[in-house]
Amino acid sequence: DMKKTVTNSCISVFQNGKWGVINSKGETVIEPTYDNMLVIPDASEPIFICQTDVDLEKGTYKSYAIDDKSNKIFGNYETIEAIQNIDKDNNVFYDANALIVSNNGKYGLINFSGKQLLECKYDKIEPIKYIKNSLMIQLDNKKGISDNSGNIITEPTYSDVQALTDKYEDGYIVKNSKGLYGVINYNKKQTLDCKYSKIENIYGNEMYFVTENNNKEVIKSGGEIVVKNDF
């Protein structure tokens, strides 16, 4: 993609007590007039997230987006947020495809062109820790999973969802209302039913180390037992 290679990347800067944005040539993109750091979800896209009315004690703030001319964009949403995550080494990274938006206290998803990916109907949307392209969507205290293009991998029917490994292609551990775990893969297929009290991935195979009714087992996708109670 030639456009990406020649694009100037943008960097937040702090000058005289205010925040702005410069590009990699050192040219000013946004004059430093903002009280809070401008979040740049993708250094090659002219989208900057501003926060105002920040109350650290309550943990509340308002947020909106501007372009490289300081014009407000995506103004039909009440809040607009970058999707901030951390990797296994606690490095912060942002989703480079989607933004979380809200109206009337309900959350949805848009892409960087402003196209709606998920309508604003969820009680919460947040990244699944340590893993790219994976969002927890919550409705009525039940959790599900979406990717960052708005494809629903599983509807909000679980009490918890988490990543199986640090690669989204390896799938997700889901927990049902009885506190038992199963596995759903990235292609929306239930690999393991929710009947295990513990599940761990065995690296590099579609095999899992599980505990079921106090039996420790190595099983394959689909639940076939490979090694039983031999530890």
Protein backbone atom coordinates (compact mmCIF):
# COMPACT_ATOMS: atom_id res chain seq x y z
CA ASP A 1 0.00 0.00 0.00
CA MET A 2 1.93 3.05 -1.24
CA LYS A 3 -0.25 5.49 0.68
CA LYS A 4 0.86 4.00 3.99
CA THR A 5 4.56 4.07 3.14
CA VAL A 6 4.66 7.75 2.21
CA THR A 7 2.29 8.95 4.94
CA ASN A 8 3.77 11.10 7.65
CA SER A 9 3.20 9.49 11.02
CA CYS A 10 1.74 11.67 13.78
CA ILE A 11 2.99 12.07 17.35
CA SER A 12 1.41 13.74 20.39
CA VAL A 13 3.51 16.59 21.81
CA PHE A 14 3.44 18.61 25.04
CA GLN A 15 4.44 22.28 24.81
CA ASN A 16 3.98 25.14 27.29
CA GLY A 17 1.56 23.07 29.36
CA LYS A 18 -0.67 22.11 26.41
CA TRP A 19 -0.99 19.16 24.06
CA GLY A 20 -0.91 19.10 20.26
CA VAL A 21 0.25 16.90 17.38
CA ILE A 22 3.29 17.04 15.11
CA ASN A 23 4.19 14.82 12.15
CA SER A 24 7.42 12.89 11.64
CA LYS A 25 8.92 15.85 9.74
CA GLY A 26 8.45 17.98 12.85
CA GLU A 27 5.66 20.05 11.27
CA THR A 28 2.76 21.13 13.47
CA VAL A 29 -0.45 19.26 12.64
CA ILE A 30 -2.54 20.39 15.65
CA GLU A 31 -1.47 23.48 17.57
CA PRO A 32 -0.74 22.70 21.26
CA THR A 33 -3.93 24.14 22.74
CA TYR A 34 -5.45 21.06 24.40
CA ASP A 35 -5.40 20.35 28.15
CA ASN A 36 -5.19 16.56 27.75
CA MET A 37 -3.01 14.38 25.55
CA LEU A 38 -4.47 13.72 22.11
CA VAL A 39 -4.73 9.98 21.59
CA ILE A 40 -3.64 8.82 18.11
CA PRO A 41 -5.07 5.33 17.46
CA ASP A 42 -3.18 4.94 14.15
CA ALA A 43 -0.18 7.18 13.43
CA SER A 44 -0.93 7.14 9.69
CA GLU A 45 -4.61 8.18 10.03
CA PRO A 46 -5.57 11.83 10.73
CA ILE A 47 -7.89 10.94 13.62
CA PHE A 48 -7.16 12.30 17.08
CA ILE A 49 -9.20 11.59 20.22
CA CYS A 50 -9.64 14.47 22.68
CA GLN A 51 -10.78 14.19 26.27
CA THR A 52 -12.45 17.00 28.20
CA ASP A 53 -14.02 17.42 31.65
CA VAL A 54 -11.70 14.77 33.06
CA ASP A 55 -12.56 13.88 36.67
CA LEU A 56 -9.86 11.53 37.96
CA GLU A 57 -11.69 10.82 41.24
CA LYS A 58 -14.88 9.68 39.53
CA GLY A 59 -13.07 8.28 36.51
CA THR A 60 -15.36 10.21 34.15
CA TYR A 61 -14.62 12.31 31.09
CA LYS A 62 -16.09 13.36 27.75
CA SER A 63 -14.42 12.50 24.48
CA TYR A 64 -14.65 13.48 20.83
CA ALA A 65 -12.60 13.13 17.65
CA ILE A 66 -10.95 15.74 15.42
CA ASP A 67 -9.17 15.57 12.07
CA ASP A 68 -5.85 17.18 11.09
CA LYS A 69 -7.62 20.52 10.49
CA SER A 70 -8.94 20.48 14.10
CA ASN A 71 -12.48 19.91 12.82
CA LYS A 72 -14.74 17.69 14.91
CA ILE A 73 -15.58 14.42 13.14
CA PHE A 74 -18.10 11.65 13.83
CA GLY A 75 -20.21 14.25 15.64
CA ASN A 76 -23.35 12.10 15.75
CA TYR A 77 -21.95 10.22 18.77
CA GLU A 78 -21.78 11.45 22.35
CA THR A 79 -18.41 9.85 23.09
CA ILE A 80 -15.66 8.46 20.85
CA GLU A 81 -12.78 6.44 22.23
CA ALA A 82 -9.70 4.71 20.92
CA ILE A 83 -9.51 1.03 21.85
CA GLN A 84 -6.53 0.87 24.18
CA ASN A 85 -5.12 -2.53 25.05
CA ILE A 86 -1.94 -4.02 26.54
CA ASP A 87 0.19 -6.91 25.35
CA LYS A 88 1.74 -9.62 27.56
CA ASP A 89 4.68 -7.31 28.33
CA ASN A 90 2.31 -4.50 29.42
CA ASN A 91 3.06 -2.38 26.33
CA VAL A 92 0.07 -0.23 25.34
CA PHE A 93 -1.29 -0.62 21.82
CA TYR A 94 -4.37 0.73 20.03
CA ASP A 95 -6.74 -1.03 17.68
CA ALA A 96 -5.95 0.28 14.19
CA ASN A 97 -9.36 -0.48 12.71
CA ALA A 98 -12.13 0.57 15.10
CA LEU A 99 -13.29 3.14 17.65
CA ILE A 100 -15.78 2.66 20.49
CA VAL A 101 -18.65 5.17 20.33
CA SER A 102 -21.69 5.79 22.52
CA ASN A 103 -25.12 7.36 22.49
CA ASN A 104 -27.53 7.48 25.43
CA GLY A 105 -25.17 5.41 27.56
CA LYS A 106 -25.07 2.52 25.06
CA TYR A 107 -21.94 1.54 23.16
CA GLY A 108 -21.20 0.62 19.54
CA LEU A 109 -18.32 0.45 17.10
CA ILE A 110 -17.30 2.46 14.04
CA ASN A 111 -14.32 2.21 11.70
CA PHE A 112 -11.90 5.05 10.92
CA SER A 113 -14.14 6.25 8.07
CA GLY A 114 -17.08 6.61 10.46
CA LYS A 115 -18.94 3.56 9.15
CA GLN A 116 -21.03 1.83 11.82
CA LEU A 117 -19.72 -1.65 12.60
CA LEU A 118 -21.88 -2.34 15.69
CA GLU A 119 -24.91 -0.28 16.57
CA CYS A 120 -24.97 1.54 19.92
CA LYS A 121 -26.91 -1.04 21.91
CA TYR A 122 -24.37 -2.63 24.24
CA ASP A 123 -23.88 -1.82 27.94
CA LYS A 124 -20.13 -2.10 27.52
CA ILE A 125 -17.53 -2.78 24.82
CA GLU A 126 -13.89 -3.22 25.72
CA PRO A 127 -10.82 -4.98 24.30
CA ILE A 128 -10.03 -8.50 25.43
CA LYS A 129 -6.68 -8.14 27.17
CA TYR A 130 -3.40 -9.14 25.52
CA ILE A 131 -4.96 -9.96 22.15
CA LYS A 132 -5.62 -8.09 18.89
CA ASN A 133 -8.86 -7.90 16.93
CA SER A 134 -11.02 -9.08 19.84
CA LEU A 135 -13.63 -7.16 21.83
CA MET A 136 -15.82 -8.10 24.75
CA ILE A 137 -19.44 -6.98 24.16
CA GLN A 138 -21.78 -6.89 27.15
CA LEU A 139 -25.56 -6.81 27.34
CA ASP A 140 -27.62 -7.36 30.51
CA ASN A 141 -24.56 -8.61 32.43
CA LYS A 142 -23.86 -11.30 29.81
CA LYS A 143 -20.69 -11.20 27.74
CA GLY A 144 -19.92 -12.10 24.13
CA ILE A 145 -17.15 -11.51 21.58
CA SER A 146 -16.87 -9.38 18.44
CA ASP A 147 -13.90 -8.80 16.17
CA ASN A 148 -12.81 -5.28 15.24
CA SER A 149 -14.86 -5.34 12.03
CA GLY A 150 -18.09 -5.84 13.96
CA ASN A 151 -18.43 -9.57 13.22
CA ILE A 152 -20.10 -11.25 16.20
CA ILE A 153 -18.07 -14.34 17.13
CA THR A 154 -20.48 -15.21 19.94
CA GLU A 155 -23.54 -13.32 21.19
CA PRO A 156 -23.55 -12.03 24.79
CA THR A 157 -24.64 -15.21 26.59
CA TYR A 158 -21.65 -15.96 28.84
CA SER A 159 -20.62 -14.84 32.32
CA ASP A 160 -17.05 -14.25 31.13
CA VAL A 161 -14.86 -14.39 28.02
CA GLN A 162 -11.07 -14.31 27.68
CA ALA A 163 -8.32 -15.07 25.21
CA LEU A 164 -6.97 -18.61 25.06
CA THR A 165 -3.49 -17.41 23.99
CA ASP A 166 -2.09 -14.08 22.77
CA LYS A 167 -3.20 -14.90 19.18
CA TYR A 168 -6.86 -14.34 18.36
CA GLU A 169 -6.66 -17.12 15.75
CA ASP A 170 -6.31 -19.62 18.63
CA GLY A 171 -9.77 -18.77 19.94
CA TYR A 172 -11.36 -17.86 23.25
CA ILE A 173 -12.27 -19.40 26.59
CA VAL A 174 -15.91 -18.79 27.53
CA LYS A 175 -17.50 -19.34 30.96
CA ASN A 176 -21.14 -20.24 31.44
CA SER A 177 -23.48 -19.30 34.29
CA LYS A 178 -22.50 -22.46 36.21
CA GLY A 179 -18.84 -21.39 36.21
CA LEU A 180 -17.75 -24.04 33.71
CA TYR A 181 -15.45 -23.30 30.78
CA GLY A 182 -15.51 -24.09 27.06
CA VAL A 183 -13.68 -22.90 23.93
CA ILE A 184 -15.01 -21.00 20.92
CA ASN A 185 -12.76 -20.61 17.92
CA TYR A 186 -12.36 -17.49 15.81
CA ASN A 187 -14.62 -18.95 13.12
CA LYS A 188 -17.54 -18.92 15.60
CA LYS A 189 -17.46 -22.69 16.17
CA GLN A 190 -17.74 -24.13 19.69
CA THR A 191 -14.57 -26.25 19.91
CA LEU A 192 -15.17 -27.44 23.49
CA ASP A 193 -18.50 -27.48 25.32
CA CYS A 194 -18.77 -25.59 28.60
CA LYS A 195 -18.20 -28.49 30.97
CA TYR A 196 -14.65 -28.02 32.26
CA SER A 197 -13.54 -26.45 35.54
CA LYS A 198 -10.21 -25.47 33.96
CA ILE A 199 -8.85 -25.19 30.41
CA GLU A 200 -5.31 -24.41 29.26
CA ASN A 201 -3.96 -24.41 25.74
CA ILE A 202 -1.16 -26.81 24.84
CA TYR A 203 1.05 -24.68 22.65
CA GLY A 204 1.07 -25.32 18.94
CA ASN A 205 -1.69 -27.96 18.64
CA GLU A 206 -5.43 -27.89 18.84
CA MET A 207 -5.04 -29.72 22.13
CA TYR A 208 -5.98 -28.62 25.62
CA PHE A 209 -5.08 -29.50 29.18
CA VAL A 210 -8.40 -29.60 31.06
CA THR A 211 -9.90 -30.50 34.40
CA GLU A 212 -13.30 -32.23 34.27
CA ASN A 213 -14.97 -33.61 37.43
CA ASN A 214 -11.54 -33.46 39.13
CA ASN A 215 -10.00 -35.56 36.32
CA LYS A 216 -7.04 -33.97 34.59
CA GLU A 217 -7.02 -34.78 30.89
CA VAL A 218 -5.38 -33.85 27.61
CA ILE A 219 -8.07 -33.52 24.96
CA LYS A 220 -8.38 -32.58 21.30
CA SER A 221 -10.76 -30.09 19.71
CA GLY A 222 -14.20 -31.65 19.92
CA GLY A 223 -13.44 -33.19 23.32
CA GLU A 224 -11.71 -36.46 22.37
CA ILE A 225 -9.53 -37.58 25.30
CA VAL A 226 -5.87 -38.17 24.40
CA VAL A 227 -4.39 -38.70 27.87
CA LYS A 228 -6.52 -39.39 30.96
CA ASN A 229 -5.66 -38.88 34.62
CA ASP A 230 -2.03 -39.84 34.13
CA PHE A 231 -0.19 -37.00 35.87
